[in-house]
PDB file of N, CA and C in Angstrom:
ATOM      1  N   UNK A   1       0.703 -13.906 -43.598  1.00  0.00           N
ATOM      2  CA  UNK A   1      -0.668 -13.928 -43.834  1.00  0.00           C
ATOM      3  C   UNK A   1      -1.139 -14.257 -42.940  1.00  0.00           C
ATOM      4  N   UNK A   2      -0.738 -14.970 -41.888  1.00  0.00           N
ATOM      5  CA  UNK A   2      -1.600 -14.656 -40.276  1.00  0.00           C
ATOM      6  C   UNK A   2      -3.142 -15.361 -39.995  1.00  0.00           C
ATOM      7  N   UNK A   3      -4.016 -14.646 -40.412  1.00  0.00           N
ATOM      8  CA  UNK A   3      -5.067 -15.225 -40.050  1.00  0.00           C
ATOM      9  C   UNK A   3      -6.116 -16.117 -41.178  1.00  0.00           C
ATOM     10  N   UNK A   4      -5.252 -16.762 -41.834  1.00  0.00           N
ATOM     11  CA  UNK A   4      -6.092 -17.623 -43.389  1.00  0.00           C
ATOM     12  C   UNK A   4      -6.717 -18.490 -42.568  1.00  0.00           C
ATOM     13  N   UNK A   5      -8.244 -18.847 -42.841  1.00  0.00           N
ATOM     14  CA  UNK A   5      -8.603 -20.043 -42.319  1.00  0.00           C
ATOM     15  C   UNK A   5      -9.211 -20.711 -43.655  1.00  0.00           C
ATOM     16  N   UNK A   6      -9.120 -22.083 -43.589  1.00  0.00           N
ATOM     17  CA  UNK A   6      -8.965 -22.580 -44.741  1.00  0.00           C
ATOM     18  C   UNK A   6     -10.910 -22.353 -44.763  1.00  0.00           C
ATOM     19  N   UNK A   7     -11.780 -23.058 -46.106  1.00  0.00           N
ATOM     20  CA  UNK A   7     -12.809 -22.840 -46.504  1.00  0.00           C
ATOM     21  C   UNK A   7     -13.193 -24.505 -46.340  1.00  0.00           C
ATOM     22  N   UNK A   8     -14.545 -24.941 -46.321  1.00  0.00           N
ATOM     23  CA  UNK A   8     -14.842 -26.231 -46.883  1.00  0.00           C
ATOM     24  C   UNK A   8     -15.996 -26.383 -47.276  1.00  0.00           C
ATOM     25  N   UNK A   9     -16.799 -26.871 -47.961  1.00  0.00           N
ATOM     26  CA  UNK A   9     -17.719 -27.136 -48.768  1.00  0.00           C
ATOM     27  C   UNK A   9     -18.952 -27.615 -47.664  1.00  0.00           C
ATOM     28  N   UNK A  10     -19.933 -27.142 -48.235  1.00  0.00           N
ATOM     29  CA  UNK A  10     -20.717 -27.713 -46.817  1.00  0.00           C
ATOM     30  C   UNK A  10     -22.305 -27.926 -47.928  1.00  0.00           C
ATOM     31  N   UNK A  11     -22.644 -29.273 -47.886  1.00  0.00           N
ATOM     32  CA  UNK A  11     -24.257 -28.987 -48.616  1.00  0.00           C
ATOM     33  C   UNK A  11     -25.174 -28.859 -47.626  1.00  0.00           C
ATOM     34  N   UNK A  12     -26.458 -27.874 -48.116  1.00  0.00           N
ATOM     35  CA  UNK A  12     -27.304 -27.628 -47.229  1.00  0.00           C
ATOM     36  C   UNK A  12     -28.525 -27.161 -48.317  1.00  0.00           C
ATOM     37  N   UNK A  13     -30.004 -27.428 -47.179  1.00  0.00           N
ATOM     38  CA  UNK A  13     -30.819 -27.018 -48.224  1.00  0.00           C
ATOM     39  C   UNK A  13     -31.840 -25.343 -48.134  1.00  0.00           C
ATOM     40  N   UNK A  14     -32.288 -24.698 -49.057  1.00  0.00           N
ATOM     41  CA  UNK A  14     -32.288 -23.463 -48.455  1.00  0.00           C
ATOM     42  C   UNK A  14     -33.961 -23.821 -49.552  1.00  0.00           C
ATOM     43  N   UNK A  15     -34.753 -22.722 -48.989  1.00  0.00           N
ATOM     44  CA  UNK A  15     -36.594 -22.610 -49.425  1.00  0.00           C
ATOM     45  C   UNK A  15     -36.060 -22.336 -51.232  1.00  0.00           C
ATOM     46  N   UNK A  16     -36.698 -22.832 -51.833  1.00  0.00           N
ATOM     47  CA  UNK A  16     -36.186 -22.163 -53.280  1.00  0.00           C
ATOM     48  C   UNK A  16     -36.772 -20.499 -53.461  1.00  0.00           C
ATOM     49  N   UNK A  17     -37.628 -20.017 -52.531  1.00  0.00           N
ATOM     50  CA  UNK A  17     -38.253 -18.772 -52.981  1.00  0.00           C
ATOM     51  C   UNK A  17     -36.989 -17.982 -52.098  1.00  0.00           C
ATOM     52  N   UNK A  18     -36.125 -17.958 -51.226  1.00  0.00           N
ATOM     53  CA  UNK A  18     -35.436 -17.067 -50.702  1.00  0.00           C
ATOM     54  C   UNK A  18     -33.951 -17.349 -51.889  1.00  0.00           C
ATOM     55  N   UNK A  19     -33.500 -18.497 -52.124  1.00  0.00           N
ATOM     56  CA  UNK A  19     -32.876 -18.972 -53.028  1.00  0.00           C
ATOM     57  C   UNK A  19     -32.550 -18.001 -54.463  1.00  0.00           C
ATOM     58  N   UNK A  20     -33.966 -18.027 -55.314  1.00  0.00           N
ATOM     59  CA  UNK A  20     -34.323 -17.048 -56.242  1.00  0.00           C
ATOM     60  C   UNK A  20     -33.898 -15.731 -55.720  1.00  0.00           C
ATOM     61  N   UNK A  21     -34.534 -15.430 -54.584  1.00  0.00           N
ATOM     62  CA  UNK A  21     -34.404 -13.999 -54.829  1.00  0.00           C
ATOM     63  C   UNK A  21     -32.951 -13.410 -54.076  1.00  0.00           C
ATOM     64  N   UNK A  22     -32.621 -14.426 -53.233  1.00  0.00           N
ATOM     65  CA  UNK A  22     -31.156 -14.016 -53.217  1.00  0.00           C
ATOM     66  C   UNK A  22     -29.919 -13.777 -54.804  1.00  0.00           C
ATOM     67  N   UNK A  23     -30.113 -14.831 -55.478  1.00  0.00           N
ATOM     68  CA  UNK A  23     -29.555 -15.010 -56.471  1.00  0.00           C
ATOM     69  C   UNK A  23     -29.766 -13.690 -57.625  1.00  0.00           C
ATOM     70  N   UNK A  24     -30.924 -13.503 -57.312  1.00  0.00           N
ATOM     71  CA  UNK A  24     -31.912 -12.158 -58.211  1.00  0.00           C
ATOM     72  C   UNK A  24     -31.064 -10.867 -57.471  1.00  0.00           C
ATOM     73  N   UNK A  25     -30.778 -10.555 -56.474  1.00  0.00           N
ATOM     74  CA  UNK A  25     -29.889  -9.356 -55.593  1.00  0.00           C
ATOM     75  C   UNK A  25     -28.616 -10.095 -55.720  1.00  0.00           C
ATOM     76  N   UNK A  26     -27.989 -10.568 -56.355  1.00  0.00           N
ATOM     77  CA  UNK A  26     -26.568 -10.901 -56.280  1.00  0.00           C
ATOM     78  C   UNK A  26     -25.855 -11.133 -54.843  1.00  0.00           C
ATOM     79  N   UNK A  27     -26.619 -11.617 -53.815  1.00  0.00           N
ATOM     80  CA  UNK A  27     -26.202 -11.920 -52.716  1.00  0.00           C
ATOM     81  C   UNK A  27     -25.519 -13.223 -52.663  1.00  0.00           C
ATOM     82  N   UNK A  28     -24.267 -13.207 -51.733  1.00  0.00           N
ATOM     83  CA  UNK A  28     -23.203 -14.209 -51.824  1.00  0.00           C
ATOM     84  C   UNK A  28     -23.528 -14.859 -50.444  1.00  0.00           C
ATOM     85  N   UNK A  29     -24.458 -16.041 -50.901  1.00  0.00           N
ATOM     86  CA  UNK A  29     -24.862 -17.066 -49.937  1.00  0.00           C
ATOM     87  C   UNK A  29     -23.554 -17.361 -48.811  1.00  0.00           C
ATOM     88  N   UNK A  30     -22.491 -17.418 -49.566  1.00  0.00           N
ATOM     89  CA  UNK A  30     -21.289 -18.195 -48.853  1.00  0.00           C
ATOM     90  C   UNK A  30     -21.071 -16.857 -47.496  1.00  0.00           C
ATOM     91  N   UNK A  31     -20.847 -15.675 -48.280  1.00  0.00           N
ATOM     92  CA  UNK A  31     -20.557 -15.029 -46.909  1.00  0.00           C
ATOM     93  C   UNK A  31     -21.773 -14.655 -46.149  1.00  0.00           C
ATOM     94  N   UNK A  32     -22.980 -14.608 -46.667  1.00  0.00           N
ATOM     95  CA  UNK A  32     -23.766 -14.473 -45.576  1.00  0.00           C
ATOM     96  C   UNK A  32     -24.280 -15.139 -44.533  1.00  0.00           C
ATOM     97  N   UNK A  33     -23.791 -16.497 -44.866  1.00  0.00           N
ATOM     98  CA  UNK A  33     -24.193 -17.681 -43.836  1.00  0.00           C
ATOM     99  C   UNK A  33     -22.923 -17.488 -42.730  1.00  0.00           C
ATOM    100  N   UNK A  34     -21.834 -17.710 -43.450  1.00  0.00           N
ATOM    101  CA  UNK A  34     -20.492 -17.397 -42.288  1.00  0.00           C
ATOM    102  C   UNK A  34     -21.069 -15.420 -41.241  1.00  0.00           C
ATOM    103  N   UNK A  35     -21.574 -14.750 -41.925  1.00  0.00           N
ATOM    104  CA  UNK A  35     -21.562 -13.829 -41.418  1.00  0.00           C
ATOM    105  C   UNK A  35     -23.095 -13.917 -40.524  1.00  0.00           C
ATOM    106  N   UNK A  36     -24.211 -14.690 -40.409  1.00  0.00           N
ATOM    107  CA  UNK A  36     -24.908 -14.994 -39.671  1.00  0.00           C
ATOM    108  C   UNK A  36     -24.586 -15.839 -38.651  1.00  0.00           C
ATOM    109  N   UNK A  37     -23.485 -17.053 -39.114  1.00  0.00           N
ATOM    110  CA  UNK A  37     -23.596 -17.840 -38.289  1.00  0.00           C
ATOM    111  C   UNK A  37     -22.733 -17.300 -37.084  1.00  0.00           C
ATOM    112  N   UNK A  38     -21.317 -16.174 -37.459  1.00  0.00           N
ATOM    113  CA  UNK A  38     -20.413 -15.605 -36.896  1.00  0.00           C
ATOM    114  C   UNK A  38     -21.445 -14.699 -35.696  1.00  0.00           C
ATOM    115  N   UNK A  39     -22.031 -14.109 -36.200  1.00  0.00           N
ATOM    116  CA  UNK A  39     -23.081 -13.305 -35.243  1.00  0.00           C
ATOM    117  C   UNK A  39     -23.622 -14.380 -33.836  1.00  0.00           C
ATOM    118  N   UNK A  40     -24.754 -15.187 -34.453  1.00  0.00           N
ATOM    119  CA  UNK A  40     -25.198 -16.464 -33.847  1.00  0.00           C
ATOM    120  C   UNK A  40     -23.859 -17.346 -32.572  1.00  0.00           C
ATOM    121  N   UNK A  41     -22.958 -17.519 -33.421  1.00  0.00           N
ATOM    122  CA  UNK A  41     -22.041 -18.122 -32.692  1.00  0.00           C
ATOM    123  C   UNK A  41     -21.226 -17.323 -31.289  1.00  0.00           C
ATOM    124  N   UNK A  42     -21.579 -15.955 -31.876  1.00  0.00           N
ATOM    125  CA  UNK A  42     -20.921 -15.229 -30.805  1.00  0.00           C
ATOM    126  C   UNK A  42     -22.243 -14.853 -29.743  1.00  0.00           C
ATOM    127  N   UNK A  43     -22.975 -14.395 -30.119  1.00  0.00           N
ATOM    128  CA  UNK A  43     -23.868 -14.380 -29.180  1.00  0.00           C
ATOM    129  C   UNK A  43     -24.112 -15.746 -28.097  1.00  0.00           C
ATOM    130  N   UNK A  44     -24.112 -16.977 -28.797  1.00  0.00           N
ATOM    131  CA  UNK A  44     -24.088 -17.969 -27.701  1.00  0.00           C
ATOM    132  C   UNK A  44     -22.765 -17.766 -26.810  1.00  0.00           C
ATOM    133  N   UNK A  45     -21.773 -17.982 -27.350  1.00  0.00           N
ATOM    134  CA  UNK A  45     -20.081 -17.241 -26.711  1.00  0.00           C
ATOM    135  C   UNK A  45     -20.605 -16.606 -25.611  1.00  0.00           C
ATOM    136  N   UNK A  46     -21.684 -15.556 -25.566  1.00  0.00           N
ATOM    137  CA  UNK A  46     -21.826 -14.383 -24.772  1.00  0.00           C
ATOM    138  C   UNK A  46     -22.608 -15.104 -23.553  1.00  0.00           C
ATOM    139  N   UNK A  47     -23.687 -15.658 -24.014  1.00  0.00           N
ATOM    140  CA  UNK A  47     -24.039 -16.220 -22.786  1.00  0.00           C
ATOM    141  C   UNK A  47     -24.027 -17.286 -22.026  1.00  0.00           C
ATOM    142  N   UNK A  48     -22.977 -18.119 -22.799  1.00  0.00           N
ATOM    143  CA  UNK A  48     -22.588 -19.124 -21.801  1.00  0.00           C
ATOM    144  C   UNK A  48     -21.653 -18.475 -21.308  1.00  0.00           C
ATOM    145  N   UNK A  49     -20.851 -17.181 -21.236  1.00  0.00           N
ATOM    146  CA  UNK A  49     -19.651 -16.864 -20.354  1.00  0.00           C
ATOM    147  C   UNK A  49     -20.481 -16.473 -19.208  1.00  0.00           C
ATOM    148  N   UNK A  50     -21.578 -15.513 -19.525  1.00  0.00           N
ATOM    149  CA  UNK A  50     -22.876 -15.243 -18.785  1.00  0.00           C
ATOM    150  C   UNK A  50     -23.192 -16.077 -17.613  1.00  0.00           C
ATOM    151  N   UNK A  51     -23.341 -17.164 -18.312  1.00  0.00           N
ATOM    152  CA  UNK A  51     -23.877 -18.688 -17.099  1.00  0.00           C
ATOM    153  C   UNK A  51     -22.779 -18.644 -16.589  1.00  0.00           C
ATOM    154  N   UNK A  52     -21.519 -19.164 -16.790  1.00  0.00           N
ATOM    155  CA  UNK A  52     -20.436 -19.830 -16.325  1.00  0.00           C
ATOM    156  C   UNK A  52     -20.006 -18.521 -15.432  1.00  0.00           C
ATOM    157  N   UNK A  53     -20.208 -17.423 -15.289  1.00  0.00           N
ATOM    158  CA  UNK A  53     -19.269 -16.222 -14.779  1.00  0.00           C
ATOM    159  C   UNK A  53     -20.412 -15.533 -13.354  1.00  0.00           C
ATOM    160  N   UNK A  54     -21.937 -15.998 -13.896  1.00  0.00           N
ATOM    161  CA  UNK A  54     -22.703 -14.979 -12.710  1.00  0.00           C
ATOM    162  C   UNK A  54     -22.540 -15.120 -11.437  1.00  0.00           C
ATOM    163  N   UNK A  55     -22.073 -16.452 -11.087  1.00  0.00           N
ATOM    164  CA  UNK A  55     -22.025 -15.939  -9.380  1.00  0.00           C
ATOM    165  C   UNK A  55     -21.075 -14.705  -9.470  1.00  0.00           C
ATOM    166  N   UNK A  56     -19.664 -14.814  -9.681  1.00  0.00           N
ATOM    167  CA  UNK A  56     -18.592 -13.602  -9.999  1.00  0.00           C
ATOM    168  C   UNK A  56     -19.473 -12.497  -9.951  1.00  0.00           C
ATOM    169  N   UNK A  57     -20.131 -11.984 -11.200  1.00  0.00           N
ATOM    170  CA  UNK A  57     -20.921 -11.273 -11.424  1.00  0.00           C
ATOM    171  C   UNK A  57     -21.816 -10.764 -10.118  1.00  0.00           C
ATOM    172  N   UNK A  58     -22.494 -11.931  -9.662  1.00  0.00           N
ATOM    173  CA  UNK A  58     -23.596 -11.564  -8.443  1.00  0.00           C
ATOM    174  C   UNK A  58     -22.821 -10.768  -7.513  1.00  0.00           C
ATOM    175  N   UNK A  59     -21.940 -11.750  -6.763  1.00  0.00           N
ATOM    176  CA  UNK A  59     -20.815 -11.259  -6.376  1.00  0.00           C
ATOM    177  C   UNK A  59     -20.006 -10.044  -5.972  1.00  0.00           C
ATOM    178  N   UNK A  60     -19.886  -9.453  -7.247  1.00  0.00           N
ATOM    179  CA  UNK A  60     -19.146  -8.404  -7.565  1.00  0.00           C
ATOM    180  C   UNK A  60     -20.289  -7.341  -7.039  1.00  0.00           C
ATOM    181  N   UNK A  61     -21.323  -7.225  -8.113  1.00  0.00           N
ATOM    182  CA  UNK A  61     -22.418  -6.233  -7.797  1.00  0.00           C
ATOM    183  C   UNK A  61     -22.727  -6.139  -6.470  1.00  0.00           C
ATOM    184  N   UNK A  62     -23.001  -7.151  -5.877  1.00  0.00           N
ATOM    185  CA  UNK A  62     -23.312  -7.254  -4.209  1.00  0.00           C
ATOM    186  C   UNK A  62     -22.254  -6.111  -3.562  1.00  0.00           C
ATOM    187  N   UNK A  63     -20.895  -6.718  -3.666  1.00  0.00           N
ATOM    188  CA  UNK A  63     -19.743  -6.231  -2.965  1.00  0.00           C
ATOM    189  C   UNK A  63     -19.879  -4.701  -3.409  1.00  0.00           C
ATOM    190  N   UNK A  64     -20.112  -4.187  -4.430  1.00  0.00           N
ATOM    191  CA  UNK A  64     -20.549  -2.899  -4.632  1.00  0.00           C
ATOM    192  C   UNK A  64     -21.323  -1.821  -4.011  1.00  0.00           C
ATOM    193  N   UNK A  65     -22.593  -2.871  -3.939  1.00  0.00           N
ATOM    194  CA  UNK A  65     -23.509  -2.152  -3.348  1.00  0.00           C
ATOM    195  C   UNK A  65     -23.430  -1.780  -2.019  1.00  0.00           C
ATOM    196  N   UNK A  66     -22.930  -3.100  -1.784  1.00  0.00           N
ATOM    197  CA  UNK A  66     -22.685  -2.786   0.091  1.00  0.00           C
ATOM    198  C   UNK A  66     -21.682  -1.892   0.158  1.00  0.00           C
ATOM    199  N   UNK A  67     -20.145  -2.457  -0.273  1.00  0.00           N
ATOM    200  CA  UNK A  67     -19.088  -1.280   0.122  1.00  0.00           C
ATOM    201  C   UNK A  67     -19.086   0.139  -0.832  1.00  0.00           C
ATOM    202  N   UNK A  68     -19.343  -0.006  -2.055  1.00  0.00           N
ATOM    203  CA  UNK A  68     -18.874   0.863  -3.129  1.00  0.00           C
ATOM    204  C   UNK A  68     -18.197   0.800  -3.954  1.00  0.00           C
ATOM    205  N   UNK A  69     -17.660   1.623  -4.556  1.00  0.00           N
ATOM    206  CA  UNK A  69     -16.594   1.252  -5.562  1.00  0.00           C
ATOM    207  C   UNK A  69     -15.141   1.995  -4.936  1.00  0.00           C
ATOM    208  N   UNK A  70     -14.070   1.758  -5.241  1.00  0.00           N
ATOM    209  CA  UNK A  70     -12.762   2.154  -4.481  1.00  0.00           C
ATOM    210  C   UNK A  70     -12.778   3.848  -5.191  1.00  0.00           C
ATOM    211  N   UNK A  71     -13.180   3.886  -6.020  1.00  0.00           N
ATOM    212  CA  UNK A  71     -12.863   5.537  -6.573  1.00  0.00           C
ATOM    213  C   UNK A  71     -14.055   6.289  -6.381  1.00  0.00           C
ATOM    214  N   UNK A  72     -14.843   6.390  -4.775  1.00  0.00           N
ATOM    215  CA  UNK A  72     -16.212   6.978  -4.906  1.00  0.00           C
ATOM    216  C   UNK A  72     -15.762   8.375  -4.141  1.00  0.00           C
ATOM    217  N   UNK A  73     -14.820   8.391  -3.697  1.00  0.00           N
ATOM    218  CA  UNK A  73     -14.207   9.526  -3.019  1.00  0.00           C
ATOM    219  C   UNK A  73     -13.589  10.248  -4.094  1.00  0.00           C
ATOM    220  N   UNK A  74     -13.044   9.785  -4.636  1.00  0.00           N
ATOM    221  CA  UNK A  74     -12.055  10.949  -6.126  1.00  0.00           C
ATOM    222  C   UNK A  74     -12.875  11.317  -7.142  1.00  0.00           C
ATOM    223  N   UNK A  75     -14.296  10.714  -7.366  1.00  0.00           N
ATOM    224  CA  UNK A  75     -14.836  11.474  -8.169  1.00  0.00           C
ATOM    225  C   UNK A  75     -14.871  12.620  -8.095  1.00  0.00           C
ATOM    226  N   UNK A  76     -14.900  13.811  -9.464  1.00  0.00           N
ATOM    227  CA  UNK A  76     -14.905  15.165  -9.253  1.00  0.00           C
ATOM    228  C   UNK A  76     -16.401  15.401 -10.402  1.00  0.00           C
ATOM    229  N   UNK A  77     -17.439  14.478 -10.303  1.00  0.00           N
ATOM    230  CA  UNK A  77     -18.709  14.804 -11.023  1.00  0.00           C
ATOM    231  C   UNK A  77     -20.052  14.191  -9.791  1.00  0.00           C
TER     232      UNK A  77
END
């Protein structure tokens, strides 16, 4: 089975007009919320990683700017 994640119920509030339209279009609210949350969390994880690693990224970019890449003399294009 492997990656099975347990589902958990959650109470939430949603605008009635949105709920009505979603139901009319047979949109799975649970799946839609999961997908949206996953995207938001991934974006925040990327932002956090970027912040945590910015000094190293800047240092690497500065090194390449000053010294070039180790493969610069090997490129055929």
